[in-house]
Amino acid sequence: MTSFDDFLNQLSKLKKLQLPGIESQLKMAAVQRLDEMQRITLEDRTPKEASVMMLIYPKGDIPHFVLIERTASTGKHSGQIAFPGGRKERSDHDHSVTALRETEEEIGIDRNDQHLIMPLTSIYIPPSNYMVYPYLAFAKAELKFTPQISEVKSVIEIKLSELLNHKNQKRTVLSTSYMKEVSVPCFYFGEVMVWGATAMMLQEIKDVFIAAEFE
């Protein structure tokens, strides 16, 4: 993909595609049989709801997207690389409003500058008991970020072409509170490693872009 205008010109093609859904997400699942684990857990629990945003924007006329490094805390997802987003509030009349509001709060991008393209497939995260609703959006101009210090340690800008580069899809060994020394699929964008739910959502986005013949 050579320019941001090329990206905008292909959006109509993108919107016509059927989402690949969980089949795509599971390519980057960190735990085997995750779909079954999600189903069994959902039978016993009522999940909290959250939304996240993959926001694509021009930087030097090249399409980029933004991730954040969460501030270290006692939460299950503290310190992780993620999309901007957060928990749904009662005043949010739908999940897209949550994604727009949280993106504005966490990285300082006015919701009126975020233009929704489409919802993506929701994903349930058993360790934190969240059902997450991802959205794809774009901004028309280069962005200046103002991170929310209490939530965001740093803002990470990544070329969209890096997501589409198959060489950046790898595996790594890590340990968490619920698994030890396990090899998991991940994306490497330079020194930035993305795994887990965020990688699963990125995989669906990648597959949609490839199906729409983005280059």
C-alpha atoms as a PDB file:
ATOM      1  CA  MET A   1       0.000   0.000   0.000  1.00  0.00           C
ATOM      2  CA  THR A   2       1.792   3.062  -1.225  1.00  0.00           C
ATOM      3  CA  SER A   3      -0.269   5.952   0.100  1.00  0.00           C
ATOM      4  CA  PHE A   4      -3.100   6.909   2.407  1.00  0.00           C
ATOM      5  CA  ASP A   5      -5.205   7.875  -0.616  1.00  0.00           C
ATOM      6  CA  ASP A   6      -4.814   4.291  -1.886  1.00  0.00           C
ATOM      7  CA  PHE A   7      -6.170   3.100   1.453  1.00  0.00           C
ATOM      8  CA  LEU A   8      -9.177   5.434   1.280  1.00  0.00           C
ATOM      9  CA  ASN A   9      -9.919   4.425  -2.309  1.00  0.00           C
ATOM     10  CA  GLN A  10     -10.218   0.772  -1.301  1.00  0.00           C
ATOM     11  CA  LEU A  11     -12.543   1.252   1.679  1.00  0.00           C
ATOM     12  CA  SER A  12     -15.699   0.567  -0.332  1.00  0.00           C
ATOM     13  CA  LYS A  13     -14.310  -2.847  -1.264  1.00  0.00           C
ATOM     14  CA  LEU A  14     -13.453  -3.535   2.376  1.00  0.00           C
ATOM     15  CA  LYS A  15     -16.970  -2.785   3.613  1.00  0.00           C
ATOM     16  CA  LYS A  16     -18.525  -5.335   1.252  1.00  0.00           C
ATOM     17  CA  LEU A  17     -16.575  -8.277   2.650  1.00  0.00           C
ATOM     18  CA  GLN A  18     -17.915 -10.798   5.133  1.00  0.00           C
ATOM     19  CA  LEU A  19     -15.834 -10.951   8.304  1.00  0.00           C
ATOM     20  CA  PRO A  20     -13.818 -14.177   8.709  1.00  0.00           C
ATOM     21  CA  GLY A  21     -14.628 -14.147  12.433  1.00  0.00           C
ATOM     22  CA  ILE A  22     -13.322 -16.538  15.070  1.00  0.00           C
ATOM     23  CA  GLU A  23     -11.732 -18.820  12.470  1.00  0.00           C
ATOM     24  CA  SER A  24      -9.370 -15.975  11.677  1.00  0.00           C
ATOM     25  CA  GLN A  25      -8.858 -14.932  15.303  1.00  0.00           C
ATOM     26  CA  LEU A  26      -7.918 -18.445  16.405  1.00  0.00           C
ATOM     27  CA  LYS A  27      -4.847 -18.395  14.157  1.00  0.00           C
ATOM     28  CA  MET A  28      -3.262 -16.192  16.840  1.00  0.00           C
ATOM     29  CA  ALA A  29      -4.810 -17.788  19.932  1.00  0.00           C
ATOM     30  CA  ALA A  30      -2.324 -18.238  22.766  1.00  0.00           C
ATOM     31  CA  VAL A  31      -4.187 -21.226  24.229  1.00  0.00           C
ATOM     32  CA  GLN A  32      -5.254 -24.374  22.389  1.00  0.00           C
ATOM     33  CA  ARG A  33      -9.022 -24.990  22.242  1.00  0.00           C
ATOM     34  CA  LEU A  34      -9.625 -21.332  23.180  1.00  0.00           C
ATOM     35  CA  ASP A  35     -12.990 -21.296  21.411  1.00  0.00           C
ATOM     36  CA  GLU A  36     -14.208 -24.169  23.582  1.00  0.00           C
ATOM     37  CA  MET A  37     -12.829 -22.534  26.729  1.00  0.00           C
ATOM     38  CA  GLN A  38     -14.604 -19.293  25.847  1.00  0.00           C
ATOM     39  CA  ARG A  39     -17.910 -21.097  25.289  1.00  0.00           C
ATOM     40  CA  ILE A  40     -17.728 -23.068  28.548  1.00  0.00           C
ATOM     41  CA  THR A  41     -16.792 -19.980  30.562  1.00  0.00           C
ATOM     42  CA  LEU A  42     -19.593 -17.920  29.047  1.00  0.00           C
ATOM     43  CA  GLU A  43     -22.124 -20.537  30.139  1.00  0.00           C
ATOM     44  CA  ASP A  44     -21.260 -19.782  33.780  1.00  0.00           C
ATOM     45  CA  ARG A  45     -20.461 -16.063  33.776  1.00  0.00           C
ATOM     46  CA  THR A  46     -21.926 -12.760  32.625  1.00  0.00           C
ATOM     47  CA  PRO A  47     -19.052 -10.859  31.006  1.00  0.00           C
ATOM     48  CA  LYS A  48     -18.290  -7.192  31.375  1.00  0.00           C
ATOM     49  CA  GLU A  49     -18.334  -5.257  28.099  1.00  0.00           C
ATOM     50  CA  ALA A  50     -15.610  -3.167  26.486  1.00  0.00           C
ATOM     51  CA  SER A  51     -14.739  -1.757  23.071  1.00  0.00           C
ATOM     52  CA  VAL A  52     -11.437  -1.040  21.323  1.00  0.00           C
ATOM     53  CA  MET A  53     -10.449   0.892  18.213  1.00  0.00           C
ATOM     54  CA  MET A  54      -8.039   0.210  15.384  1.00  0.00           C
ATOM     55  CA  LEU A  55      -7.548   3.733  14.079  1.00  0.00           C
ATOM     56  CA  ILE A  56      -5.788   4.149  10.720  1.00  0.00           C
ATOM     57  CA  TYR A  57      -4.379   7.549   9.782  1.00  0.00           C
ATOM     58  CA  PRO A  58      -1.798   9.137   7.471  1.00  0.00           C
ATOM     59  CA  LYS A  59       1.734   9.829   8.624  1.00  0.00           C
ATOM     60  CA  GLY A  60       3.841  11.244   5.827  1.00  0.00           C
ATOM     61  CA  ASP A  61       1.013  10.047   3.511  1.00  0.00           C
ATOM     62  CA  ILE A  62       1.660   6.438   4.617  1.00  0.00           C
ATOM     63  CA  PRO A  63      -1.177   4.557   6.394  1.00  0.00           C
ATOM     64  CA  HIS A  64      -0.371   3.874  10.054  1.00  0.00           C
ATOM     65  CA  PHE A  65      -2.346   2.491  12.972  1.00  0.00           C
ATOM     66  CA  VAL A  66      -1.949   3.137  16.667  1.00  0.00           C
ATOM     67  CA  LEU A  67      -1.424   0.810  19.608  1.00  0.00           C
ATOM     68  CA  ILE A  68      -0.769   1.703  23.229  1.00  0.00           C
ATOM     69  CA  GLU A  69       1.415   0.328  25.979  1.00  0.00           C
ATOM     70  CA  ARG A  70      -0.728   0.208  29.077  1.00  0.00           C
ATOM     71  CA  THR A  71       0.576   1.645  32.332  1.00  0.00           C
ATOM     72  CA  ALA A  72       1.759  -1.034  34.776  1.00  0.00           C
ATOM     73  CA  SER A  73      -0.775  -1.694  37.550  1.00  0.00           C
ATOM     74  CA  THR A  74      -2.371  -4.615  39.356  1.00  0.00           C
ATOM     75  CA  GLY A  75      -4.846  -5.301  36.541  1.00  0.00           C
ATOM     76  CA  LYS A  76      -4.733  -8.473  34.439  1.00  0.00           C
ATOM     77  CA  HIS A  77      -3.839  -6.531  31.285  1.00  0.00           C
ATOM     78  CA  SER A  78      -1.512  -3.927  32.781  1.00  0.00           C
ATOM     79  CA  GLY A  79       1.685  -3.278  30.871  1.00  0.00           C
ATOM     80  CA  GLN A  80       0.393  -5.002  27.748  1.00  0.00           C
ATOM     81  CA  ILE A  81       0.372  -3.712  24.176  1.00  0.00           C
ATOM     82  CA  ALA A  82      -3.234  -3.099  23.149  1.00  0.00           C
ATOM     83  CA  PHE A  83      -5.633  -1.032  21.100  1.00  0.00           C
ATOM     84  CA  PRO A  84      -6.980   2.110  22.765  1.00  0.00           C
ATOM     85  CA  GLY A  85     -10.293   1.266  24.386  1.00  0.00           C
ATOM     86  CA  GLY A  86     -12.024   0.404  27.612  1.00  0.00           C
ATOM     87  CA  ARG A  87     -15.126  -0.542  29.520  1.00  0.00           C
ATOM     88  CA  LYS A  88     -18.596   0.400  28.356  1.00  0.00           C
ATOM     89  CA  GLU A  89     -20.370   3.039  30.446  1.00  0.00           C
ATOM     90  CA  ARG A  90     -24.115   3.319  30.987  1.00  0.00           C
ATOM     91  CA  SER A  91     -24.202   6.534  28.963  1.00  0.00           C
ATOM     92  CA  ASP A  92     -22.785   4.731  25.887  1.00  0.00           C
ATOM     93  CA  HIS A  93     -25.823   3.884  23.748  1.00  0.00           C
ATOM     94  CA  ASP A  94     -23.869   1.295  21.736  1.00  0.00           C
ATOM     95  CA  HIS A  95     -20.431  -0.327  21.564  1.00  0.00           C
ATOM     96  CA  SER A  96     -19.135   2.017  18.866  1.00  0.00           C
ATOM     97  CA  VAL A  97     -19.674   4.989  21.177  1.00  0.00           C
ATOM     98  CA  THR A  98     -17.540   3.241  23.790  1.00  0.00           C
ATOM     99  CA  ALA A  99     -14.719   2.763  21.270  1.00  0.00           C
ATOM    100  CA  LEU A 100     -14.876   6.400  20.121  1.00  0.00           C
ATOM    101  CA  ARG A 101     -15.079   7.792  23.662  1.00  0.00           C
ATOM    102  CA  GLU A 102     -12.292   5.619  25.065  1.00  0.00           C
ATOM    103  CA  THR A 103      -9.983   6.435  22.157  1.00  0.00           C
ATOM    104  CA  GLU A 104     -10.559  10.122  22.772  1.00  0.00           C
ATOM    105  CA  GLU A 105      -9.918   9.727  26.497  1.00  0.00           C
ATOM    106  CA  GLU A 106      -6.851   7.487  26.231  1.00  0.00           C
ATOM    107  CA  ILE A 107      -4.910   9.059  23.352  1.00  0.00           C
ATOM    108  CA  GLY A 108      -6.564  12.451  22.912  1.00  0.00           C
ATOM    109  CA  ILE A 109      -8.108  12.026  19.452  1.00  0.00           C
ATOM    110  CA  ASP A 110     -11.440  13.841  19.219  1.00  0.00           C
ATOM    111  CA  ARG A 111     -14.244  11.388  18.435  1.00  0.00           C
ATOM    112  CA  ASN A 112     -15.383  13.668  15.596  1.00  0.00           C
ATOM    113  CA  ASP A 113     -12.027  13.025  13.903  1.00  0.00           C
ATOM    114  CA  GLN A 114     -12.543   9.258  14.078  1.00  0.00           C
ATOM    115  CA  HIS A 115     -14.554   8.007  11.109  1.00  0.00           C
ATOM    116  CA  LEU A 116     -15.990   4.542  11.672  1.00  0.00           C
ATOM    117  CA  ILE A 117     -15.491   2.048   8.867  1.00  0.00           C
ATOM    118  CA  MET A 118     -16.964  -1.149  10.300  1.00  0.00           C
ATOM    119  CA  PRO A 119     -17.306  -3.308  13.408  1.00  0.00           C
ATOM    120  CA  LEU A 120     -15.149  -6.402  13.682  1.00  0.00           C
ATOM    121  CA  THR A 121     -15.865  -9.735  15.371  1.00  0.00           C
ATOM    122  CA  SER A 122     -16.283  -9.550  19.138  1.00  0.00           C
ATOM    123  CA  ILE A 123     -13.941 -11.624  21.276  1.00  0.00           C
ATOM    124  CA  TYR A 124     -14.339 -13.009  24.799  1.00  0.00           C
ATOM    125  CA  ILE A 125     -11.303 -12.852  27.111  1.00  0.00           C
ATOM    126  CA  PRO A 126     -11.693 -15.463  29.901  1.00  0.00           C
ATOM    127  CA  PRO A 127      -8.944 -14.260  32.337  1.00  0.00           C
ATOM    128  CA  SER A 128     -10.571 -10.839  32.785  1.00  0.00           C
ATOM    129  CA  ASN A 129     -14.153 -11.885  31.909  1.00  0.00           C
ATOM    130  CA  TYR A 130     -14.559  -9.227  29.219  1.00  0.00           C
ATOM    131  CA  MET A 131     -16.465  -9.367  25.959  1.00  0.00           C
ATOM    132  CA  VAL A 132     -14.574  -6.963  23.688  1.00  0.00           C
ATOM    133  CA  TYR A 133     -16.111  -5.288  20.638  1.00  0.00           C
ATOM    134  CA  PRO A 134     -13.453  -4.052  18.175  1.00  0.00           C
ATOM    135  CA  TYR A 135     -13.997  -1.350  15.565  1.00  0.00           C
ATOM    136  CA  LEU A 136     -12.059  -0.153  12.540  1.00  0.00           C
ATOM    137  CA  ALA A 137     -11.899   3.589  11.844  1.00  0.00           C
ATOM    138  CA  PHE A 138      -9.770   6.160  10.070  1.00  0.00           C
ATOM    139  CA  ALA A 139      -8.689   9.742  10.608  1.00  0.00           C
ATOM    140  CA  LYS A 140      -8.207  12.031   7.618  1.00  0.00           C
ATOM    141  CA  ALA A 141      -5.134  13.906   8.834  1.00  0.00           C
ATOM    142  CA  GLU A 142      -1.904  13.191  10.671  1.00  0.00           C
ATOM    143  CA  LEU A 143      -2.538  12.843  14.390  1.00  0.00           C
ATOM    144  CA  LYS A 144      -1.048  14.397  17.502  1.00  0.00           C
ATOM    145  CA  PHE A 145      -1.514  12.136  20.505  1.00  0.00           C
ATOM    146  CA  THR A 146      -2.142  13.199  24.084  1.00  0.00           C
ATOM    147  CA  PRO A 147      -1.933  10.009  26.172  1.00  0.00           C
ATOM    148  CA  GLN A 148      -3.910   9.641  29.387  1.00  0.00           C
ATOM    149  CA  ILE A 149      -1.042   9.238  31.861  1.00  0.00           C
ATOM    150  CA  SER A 150      -2.973   7.063  34.300  1.00  0.00           C
ATOM    151  CA  GLU A 151      -3.788   4.499  31.582  1.00  0.00           C
ATOM    152  CA  VAL A 152      -1.228   4.859  28.807  1.00  0.00           C
ATOM    153  CA  LYS A 153       2.539   4.572  29.240  1.00  0.00           C
ATOM    154  CA  SER A 154       3.321   5.142  25.557  1.00  0.00           C
ATOM    155  CA  VAL A 155       1.725   5.479  22.127  1.00  0.00           C
ATOM    156  CA  ILE A 156       3.014   3.155  19.389  1.00  0.00           C
ATOM    157  CA  GLU A 157       2.665   4.075  15.704  1.00  0.00           C
ATOM    158  CA  ILE A 158       2.922   1.196  13.205  1.00  0.00           C
ATOM    159  CA  LYS A 159       2.786   1.207   9.414  1.00  0.00           C
ATOM    160  CA  LEU A 160      -0.214  -0.730   8.124  1.00  0.00           C
ATOM    161  CA  SER A 161       2.128  -2.478   5.671  1.00  0.00           C
ATOM    162  CA  GLU A 162       3.927  -4.025   8.671  1.00  0.00           C
ATOM    163  CA  LEU A 163       0.720  -5.833   9.642  1.00  0.00           C
ATOM    164  CA  LEU A 164       0.366  -7.192   6.115  1.00  0.00           C
ATOM    165  CA  ASN A 165       3.990  -8.415   6.031  1.00  0.00           C
ATOM    166  CA  HIS A 166       3.873 -12.165   6.758  1.00  0.00           C
ATOM    167  CA  LYS A 167       7.462 -12.075   8.030  1.00  0.00           C
ATOM    168  CA  ASN A 168       6.258 -10.189  11.113  1.00  0.00           C
ATOM    169  CA  GLN A 169       4.093 -13.124  12.233  1.00  0.00           C
ATOM    170  CA  LYS A 170       6.167 -15.298  14.592  1.00  0.00           C
ATOM    171  CA  ARG A 171       6.110 -17.216  17.889  1.00  0.00           C
ATOM    172  CA  THR A 172       7.578 -16.418  21.287  1.00  0.00           C
ATOM    173  CA  VAL A 173       7.795 -18.132  24.678  1.00  0.00           C
ATOM    174  CA  LEU A 174       6.291 -16.339  27.657  1.00  0.00           C
ATOM    175  CA  SER A 175       4.703 -16.858  31.050  1.00  0.00           C
ATOM    176  CA  THR A 176       1.602 -15.242  32.537  1.00  0.00           C
ATOM    177  CA  SER A 177      -0.506 -15.660  35.649  1.00  0.00           C
ATOM    178  CA  TYR A 178      -2.375 -18.519  33.970  1.00  0.00           C
ATOM    179  CA  MET A 179       0.309 -20.251  31.855  1.00  0.00           C
ATOM    180  CA  LYS A 180       4.040 -20.911  32.221  1.00  0.00           C
ATOM    181  CA  GLU A 181       6.745 -21.059  29.532  1.00  0.00           C
ATOM    182  CA  VAL A 182       4.305 -21.478  26.656  1.00  0.00           C
ATOM    183  CA  SER A 183       5.048 -20.879  22.972  1.00  0.00           C
ATOM    184  CA  VAL A 184       2.456 -18.465  21.604  1.00  0.00           C
ATOM    185  CA  PRO A 185       1.857 -16.882  18.182  1.00  0.00           C
ATOM    186  CA  CYS A 186       2.557 -13.170  18.004  1.00  0.00           C
ATOM    187  CA  PHE A 187       3.275 -10.203  15.776  1.00  0.00           C
ATOM    188  CA  TYR A 188       6.634  -8.437  15.918  1.00  0.00           C
ATOM    189  CA  PHE A 189       6.649  -4.832  14.744  1.00  0.00           C
ATOM    190  CA  GLY A 190      10.306  -3.963  15.213  1.00  0.00           C
ATOM    191  CA  GLU A 191      10.883  -4.460  18.937  1.00  0.00           C
ATOM    192  CA  VAL A 192       7.154  -4.309  19.729  1.00  0.00           C
ATOM    193  CA  MET A 193       5.638  -7.745  20.370  1.00  0.00           C
ATOM    194  CA  VAL A 194       1.850  -8.176  20.271  1.00  0.00           C
ATOM    195  CA  TRP A 195       0.116 -11.358  21.390  1.00  0.00           C
ATOM    196  CA  GLY A 196      -3.150 -12.549  22.941  1.00  0.00           C
ATOM    197  CA  ALA A 197      -6.488 -10.903  22.233  1.00  0.00           C
ATOM    198  CA  THR A 198      -4.947  -7.909  20.461  1.00  0.00           C
ATOM    199  CA  ALA A 199      -3.040 -10.211  18.091  1.00  0.00           C
ATOM    200  CA  MET A 200      -6.231 -12.185  17.458  1.00  0.00           C
ATOM    201  CA  MET A 201      -8.094  -9.017  16.484  1.00  0.00           C
ATOM    202  CA  LEU A 202      -5.179  -7.891  14.324  1.00  0.00           C
ATOM    203  CA  GLN A 203      -5.253 -11.230  12.518  1.00  0.00           C
ATOM    204  CA  GLU A 204      -8.876 -10.761  11.517  1.00  0.00           C
ATOM    205  CA  ILE A 205      -8.110  -7.256  10.281  1.00  0.00           C
ATOM    206  CA  LYS A 206      -5.121  -8.578   8.348  1.00  0.00           C
ATOM    207  CA  ASP A 207      -7.229 -11.312   6.721  1.00  0.00           C
ATOM    208  CA  VAL A 208      -9.917  -8.793   5.753  1.00  0.00           C
ATOM    209  CA  PHE A 209      -7.344  -6.487   4.162  1.00  0.00           C
ATOM    210  CA  ILE A 210      -5.800  -9.379   2.257  1.00  0.00           C
ATOM    211  CA  ALA A 211      -9.245 -10.500   1.023  1.00  0.00           C
ATOM    212  CA  ALA A 212      -9.873  -6.930  -0.147  1.00  0.00           C
ATOM    213  CA  GLU A 213      -6.565  -7.129  -2.032  1.00  0.00           C
ATOM    214  CA  PHE A 214      -4.876  -4.368  -0.073  1.00  0.00           C
ATOM    215  CA  GLU A 215      -1.176  -4.262  -0.896  1.00  0.00           C
END
